[in-house]
Amino acid sequence: MPRKSSSRKISDLELAILRALCAMPNGWDEVARQLANYSWQEADHEVAYKALRRVRGRGAKTLRDQLPAQTTRMGFPDIDWKIYFESERIQPFELERIWGELRTLTAGKI
């Protein structure tokens, strides 16, 4: 089986983190803060992260309702939020593992 390119793997990990943040209404503040200095590979991922940080409520319904409006106010009305909400709920330790893998792959780029 062919190995994923590094940039594809990074993009997949970014998306996994954002999906986890959308699926976990609470308990992700530490990872979200650590991502503040991360240089996102995908522009849409960066916009999604910034919108997540700006939305006040953290309930799943609040996120689904407010994120599209938030990104529109930010000047990015075309973000496809469906891809960020296509995820099973993951445990906080799994989010930490994914973030650790992303940090390893992007060492020196953060």
N, C-alpha and C. Protein backbone atom coordinates (compact mmCIF):
# COMPACT_ATOMS: atom_id res chain seq x y z
N MET A 1 0.84 -1.17 0.00
CA MET A 1 0.00 0.00 0.00
C MET A 1 0.89 1.24 0.00
N PRO A 2 0.62 2.21 -0.88
CA PRO A 2 1.45 3.41 -0.92
C PRO A 2 1.28 4.25 0.35
N ARG A 3 2.37 4.89 0.75
CA ARG A 3 2.34 5.76 1.91
C ARG A 3 1.80 7.13 1.51
N LYS A 4 1.09 7.76 2.43
CA LYS A 4 0.58 9.10 2.17
C LYS A 4 1.75 10.07 2.17
N SER A 5 1.67 11.06 1.30
CA SER A 5 2.69 12.09 1.32
C SER A 5 2.58 12.84 2.64
N SER A 6 3.67 13.45 3.03
CA SER A 6 3.71 14.19 4.30
C SER A 6 2.66 15.30 4.32
N SER A 7 2.54 16.04 3.22
CA SER A 7 1.57 17.15 3.21
C SER A 7 0.14 16.64 3.29
N ARG A 8 -0.15 15.49 2.67
CA ARG A 8 -1.50 14.91 2.74
C ARG A 8 -1.79 14.44 4.17
N LYS A 9 -0.79 13.84 4.79
CA LYS A 9 -0.94 13.36 6.17
C LYS A 9 -1.19 14.55 7.11
N ILE A 10 -0.42 15.63 6.91
CA ILE A 10 -0.61 16.84 7.74
C ILE A 10 -2.02 17.38 7.56
N SER A 11 -2.49 17.47 6.34
CA SER A 11 -3.84 17.96 6.07
C SER A 11 -4.88 17.06 6.73
N ASP A 12 -4.69 15.75 6.66
CA ASP A 12 -5.62 14.81 7.29
C ASP A 12 -5.63 14.97 8.81
N LEU A 13 -4.46 15.18 9.41
CA LEU A 13 -4.38 15.38 10.86
C LEU A 13 -5.03 16.70 11.26
N GLU A 14 -4.80 17.74 10.48
CA GLU A 14 -5.46 19.02 10.75
C GLU A 14 -6.98 18.83 10.77
N LEU A 15 -7.49 18.16 9.75
CA LEU A 15 -8.93 17.93 9.65
C LEU A 15 -9.42 17.09 10.82
N ALA A 16 -8.67 16.08 11.21
CA ALA A 16 -9.07 15.24 12.34
C ALA A 16 -9.15 16.06 13.62
N ILE A 17 -8.20 16.96 13.82
CA ILE A 17 -8.23 17.82 15.01
C ILE A 17 -9.45 18.73 14.97
N LEU A 18 -9.71 19.35 13.85
CA LEU A 18 -10.86 20.25 13.75
C LEU A 18 -12.18 19.50 13.92
N ARG A 19 -12.25 18.30 13.38
CA ARG A 19 -13.46 17.49 13.57
C ARG A 19 -13.64 17.16 15.05
N ALA A 20 -12.55 16.84 15.70
CA ALA A 20 -12.63 16.54 17.14
C ALA A 20 -13.07 17.76 17.92
N LEU A 21 -12.55 18.92 17.58
CA LEU A 21 -12.93 20.14 18.28
C LEU A 21 -14.41 20.46 18.06
N CYS A 22 -14.92 20.16 16.87
CA CYS A 22 -16.34 20.38 16.60
C CYS A 22 -17.21 19.36 17.33
N ALA A 23 -16.71 18.15 17.49
CA ALA A 23 -17.49 17.08 18.12
C ALA A 23 -17.44 17.13 19.64
N MET A 24 -16.42 17.78 20.20
CA MET A 24 -16.25 17.83 21.65
C MET A 24 -16.58 19.23 22.15
N PRO A 25 -17.80 19.44 22.59
CA PRO A 25 -18.17 20.78 23.03
C PRO A 25 -17.30 21.30 24.17
N ASN A 26 -16.82 20.44 25.01
CA ASN A 26 -15.98 20.84 26.14
C ASN A 26 -14.72 19.98 26.16
N GLY A 27 -13.73 20.42 26.86
CA GLY A 27 -12.57 19.60 27.09
C GLY A 27 -11.45 19.75 26.07
N TRP A 28 -11.54 20.73 25.21
CA TRP A 28 -10.48 20.86 24.21
C TRP A 28 -9.73 22.18 24.31
N ASP A 29 -9.99 22.92 25.35
CA ASP A 29 -9.39 24.25 25.47
C ASP A 29 -7.86 24.23 25.43
N GLU A 30 -7.23 23.26 26.07
CA GLU A 30 -5.76 23.22 26.09
C GLU A 30 -5.19 23.01 24.69
N VAL A 31 -5.72 22.05 23.95
CA VAL A 31 -5.24 21.82 22.58
C VAL A 31 -5.54 23.04 21.72
N ALA A 32 -6.71 23.62 21.86
CA ALA A 32 -7.07 24.80 21.08
C ALA A 32 -6.10 25.94 21.34
N ARG A 33 -5.70 26.12 22.60
CA ARG A 33 -4.71 27.17 22.93
C ARG A 33 -3.35 26.84 22.30
N GLN A 34 -2.96 25.58 22.37
CA GLN A 34 -1.68 25.19 21.79
C GLN A 34 -1.65 25.42 20.28
N LEU A 35 -2.79 25.32 19.64
CA LEU A 35 -2.88 25.53 18.20
C LEU A 35 -2.77 27.00 17.80
N ALA A 36 -2.80 27.90 18.76
CA ALA A 36 -2.77 29.33 18.47
C ALA A 36 -1.55 29.73 17.65
N ASN A 37 -0.44 29.07 17.84
CA ASN A 37 0.79 29.40 17.10
C ASN A 37 1.08 28.45 15.95
N TYR A 38 0.15 27.57 15.67
CA TYR A 38 0.35 26.59 14.61
C TYR A 38 0.14 27.24 13.24
N SER A 39 0.98 26.91 12.29
CA SER A 39 0.85 27.41 10.91
C SER A 39 0.07 26.37 10.11
N TRP A 40 -1.19 26.64 9.90
CA TRP A 40 -2.06 25.70 9.21
C TRP A 40 -1.62 25.52 7.77
N GLN A 41 -1.60 24.29 7.30
CA GLN A 41 -1.26 23.99 5.91
C GLN A 41 -2.41 24.36 4.99
N GLU A 42 -3.63 24.08 5.44
CA GLU A 42 -4.82 24.34 4.63
C GLU A 42 -5.48 25.64 5.09
N ALA A 43 -5.73 26.54 4.17
CA ALA A 43 -6.33 27.84 4.51
C ALA A 43 -7.71 27.66 5.13
N ASP A 44 -8.53 26.75 4.60
CA ASP A 44 -9.85 26.52 5.17
C ASP A 44 -9.75 26.03 6.61
N HIS A 45 -8.74 25.23 6.89
CA HIS A 45 -8.55 24.73 8.26
C HIS A 45 -8.23 25.88 9.21
N GLU A 46 -7.42 26.80 8.75
CA GLU A 46 -7.08 27.95 9.59
C GLU A 46 -8.32 28.80 9.88
N VAL A 47 -9.13 29.02 8.86
CA VAL A 47 -10.36 29.80 9.03
C VAL A 47 -11.29 29.07 10.00
N ALA A 48 -11.43 27.76 9.84
CA ALA A 48 -12.29 26.98 10.73
C ALA A 48 -11.81 27.07 12.17
N TYR A 49 -10.50 26.96 12.38
CA TYR A 49 -9.94 27.06 13.72
C TYR A 49 -10.23 28.44 14.33
N LYS A 50 -9.99 29.48 13.57
CA LYS A 50 -10.22 30.83 14.08
C LYS A 50 -11.70 31.05 14.42
N ALA A 51 -12.59 30.50 13.60
CA ALA A 51 -14.02 30.63 13.87
C ALA A 51 -14.38 29.87 15.15
N LEU A 52 -13.83 28.68 15.30
CA LEU A 52 -14.08 27.90 16.52
C LEU A 52 -13.67 28.68 17.77
N ARG A 53 -12.55 29.36 17.68
CA ARG A 53 -12.08 30.14 18.83
C ARG A 53 -12.98 31.34 19.12
N ARG A 54 -13.66 31.84 18.11
CA ARG A 54 -14.49 33.05 18.29
C ARG A 54 -15.90 32.75 18.76
N VAL A 55 -16.40 31.56 18.49
CA VAL A 55 -17.77 31.22 18.88
C VAL A 55 -17.82 31.09 20.39
N ARG A 56 -18.79 31.75 20.98
CA ARG A 56 -18.89 31.81 22.44
C ARG A 56 -19.33 30.48 23.07
N GLY A 57 -20.42 29.92 22.58
CA GLY A 57 -20.93 28.67 23.15
C GLY A 57 -20.16 27.48 22.62
N ARG A 58 -20.15 26.41 23.38
CA ARG A 58 -19.40 25.23 22.96
C ARG A 58 -20.28 24.01 22.74
N GLY A 59 -21.58 24.16 22.90
CA GLY A 59 -22.46 23.02 22.65
C GLY A 59 -22.48 22.69 21.17
N ALA A 60 -22.71 21.42 20.86
CA ALA A 60 -22.70 20.98 19.46
C ALA A 60 -23.71 21.75 18.62
N LYS A 61 -24.91 21.96 19.14
CA LYS A 61 -25.92 22.70 18.38
C LYS A 61 -25.48 24.15 18.18
N THR A 62 -24.90 24.75 19.22
CA THR A 62 -24.42 26.13 19.12
C THR A 62 -23.36 26.23 18.02
N LEU A 63 -22.43 25.29 18.01
CA LEU A 63 -21.39 25.31 16.98
C LEU A 63 -21.99 25.19 15.59
N ARG A 64 -22.88 24.22 15.40
CA ARG A 64 -23.50 24.03 14.08
C ARG A 64 -24.26 25.27 13.63
N ASP A 65 -24.88 25.94 14.58
CA ASP A 65 -25.66 27.14 14.25
C ASP A 65 -24.78 28.36 14.01
N GLN A 66 -23.74 28.53 14.80
CA GLN A 66 -22.98 29.76 14.78
C GLN A 66 -21.75 29.76 13.87
N LEU A 67 -21.16 28.62 13.62
CA LEU A 67 -19.92 28.62 12.83
C LEU A 67 -20.08 29.14 11.41
N PRO A 68 -21.12 28.73 10.67
CA PRO A 68 -21.28 29.31 9.32
C PRO A 68 -21.43 30.83 9.34
N ALA A 69 -22.19 31.34 10.29
CA ALA A 69 -22.36 32.79 10.40
C ALA A 69 -21.04 33.45 10.77
N GLN A 70 -20.29 32.82 11.66
CA GLN A 70 -19.01 33.39 12.09
C GLN A 70 -18.04 33.48 10.91
N THR A 71 -17.93 32.43 10.12
CA THR A 71 -16.99 32.48 8.99
C THR A 71 -17.46 33.45 7.92
N THR A 72 -18.76 33.61 7.78
CA THR A 72 -19.28 34.62 6.84
C THR A 72 -18.88 36.01 7.30
N ARG A 73 -19.02 36.29 8.60
CA ARG A 73 -18.59 37.59 9.14
C ARG A 73 -17.09 37.80 8.96
N MET A 74 -16.34 36.73 8.95
CA MET A 74 -14.89 36.80 8.78
C MET A 74 -14.51 36.97 7.30
N GLY A 75 -15.50 36.88 6.41
CA GLY A 75 -15.23 37.04 4.98
C GLY A 75 -15.05 35.74 4.23
N PHE A 76 -15.44 34.62 4.83
CA PHE A 76 -15.27 33.30 4.21
C PHE A 76 -16.60 32.55 4.23
N PRO A 77 -17.55 32.96 3.38
CA PRO A 77 -18.88 32.34 3.42
C PRO A 77 -18.93 30.94 2.83
N ASP A 78 -17.89 30.50 2.15
CA ASP A 78 -17.94 29.23 1.43
C ASP A 78 -17.32 28.05 2.16
N ILE A 79 -17.03 28.18 3.43
CA ILE A 79 -16.48 27.06 4.20
C ILE A 79 -17.54 25.97 4.29
N ASP A 80 -17.16 24.75 3.94
CA ASP A 80 -18.08 23.61 3.98
C ASP A 80 -18.02 22.98 5.37
N TRP A 81 -18.90 23.37 6.25
CA TRP A 81 -18.88 22.91 7.63
C TRP A 81 -19.28 21.45 7.76
N LYS A 82 -19.96 20.89 6.75
CA LYS A 82 -20.36 19.48 6.84
C LYS A 82 -19.15 18.58 7.06
N ILE A 83 -18.02 18.88 6.41
CA ILE A 83 -16.86 18.01 6.57
C ILE A 83 -16.29 18.06 7.98
N TYR A 84 -16.51 19.14 8.69
CA TYR A 84 -15.99 19.26 10.05
C TYR A 84 -16.89 18.57 11.08
N PHE A 85 -18.14 18.34 10.71
CA PHE A 85 -19.06 17.67 11.63
C PHE A 85 -19.26 16.20 11.28
N GLU A 86 -18.48 15.68 10.31
CA GLU A 86 -18.54 14.27 9.95
C GLU A 86 -17.53 13.51 10.79
N SER A 87 -17.89 13.23 12.00
CA SER A 87 -16.92 12.55 12.85
C SER A 87 -17.60 11.91 14.03
N GLU A 88 -17.00 10.83 14.46
CA GLU A 88 -17.43 10.27 15.72
C GLU A 88 -16.74 11.04 16.83
N ARG A 89 -17.35 11.03 17.96
CA ARG A 89 -16.76 11.69 19.12
C ARG A 89 -15.50 10.93 19.53
N ILE A 90 -14.43 11.65 19.79
CA ILE A 90 -13.21 11.00 20.23
C ILE A 90 -12.89 11.44 21.66
N GLN A 91 -12.08 10.66 22.31
CA GLN A 91 -11.68 10.95 23.68
C GLN A 91 -10.60 12.02 23.70
N PRO A 92 -10.54 12.82 24.76
CA PRO A 92 -9.51 13.86 24.85
C PRO A 92 -8.08 13.33 24.67
N PHE A 93 -7.79 12.12 25.19
CA PHE A 93 -6.44 11.58 25.02
C PHE A 93 -6.14 11.31 23.55
N GLU A 94 -7.16 10.97 22.77
CA GLU A 94 -6.97 10.74 21.34
C GLU A 94 -6.67 12.05 20.62
N LEU A 95 -7.33 13.13 21.03
CA LEU A 95 -7.04 14.44 20.46
C LEU A 95 -5.59 14.83 20.76
N GLU A 96 -5.15 14.56 21.97
CA GLU A 96 -3.76 14.85 22.34
C GLU A 96 -2.79 14.04 21.47
N ARG A 97 -3.13 12.77 21.19
CA ARG A 97 -2.27 11.93 20.36
C ARG A 97 -2.18 12.48 18.93
N ILE A 98 -3.32 12.88 18.39
CA ILE A 98 -3.36 13.42 17.02
C ILE A 98 -2.55 14.72 16.97
N TRP A 99 -2.73 15.58 17.96
CA TRP A 99 -1.98 16.84 18.02
C TRP A 99 -0.48 16.55 18.14
N GLY A 100 -0.11 15.57 18.93
CA GLY A 100 1.30 15.19 19.06
C GLY A 100 1.88 14.71 17.74
N GLU A 101 1.11 13.92 17.00
CA GLU A 101 1.57 13.43 15.70
C GLU A 101 1.73 14.59 14.71
N LEU A 102 0.80 15.52 14.74
CA LEU A 102 0.89 16.69 13.87
C LEU A 102 2.12 17.54 14.22
N ARG A 103 2.36 17.73 15.50
CA ARG A 103 3.56 18.50 15.94
C ARG A 103 4.83 17.82 15.44
N THR A 104 4.86 16.49 15.52
CA THR A 104 6.04 15.74 15.08
C THR A 104 6.27 15.94 13.58
N LEU A 105 5.21 15.84 12.80
CA LEU A 105 5.33 15.99 11.34
C LEU A 105 5.69 17.41 10.92
N THR A 106 5.31 18.37 11.72
CA THR A 106 5.55 19.77 11.34
C THR A 106 6.63 20.41 12.20
N ALA A 107 7.45 19.61 12.83
CA ALA A 107 8.50 20.13 13.71
C ALA A 107 9.30 21.20 12.97
N GLY A 108 9.47 22.32 13.62
CA GLY A 108 10.20 23.43 13.01
C GLY A 108 9.33 24.35 12.18
N LYS A 109 8.08 23.93 11.91
CA LYS A 109 7.17 24.75 11.11
C LYS A 109 6.15 25.47 11.96
N ILE A 110 6.05 25.10 13.23
CA ILE A 110 5.04 25.68 14.11
C ILE A 110 5.55 26.98 14.67
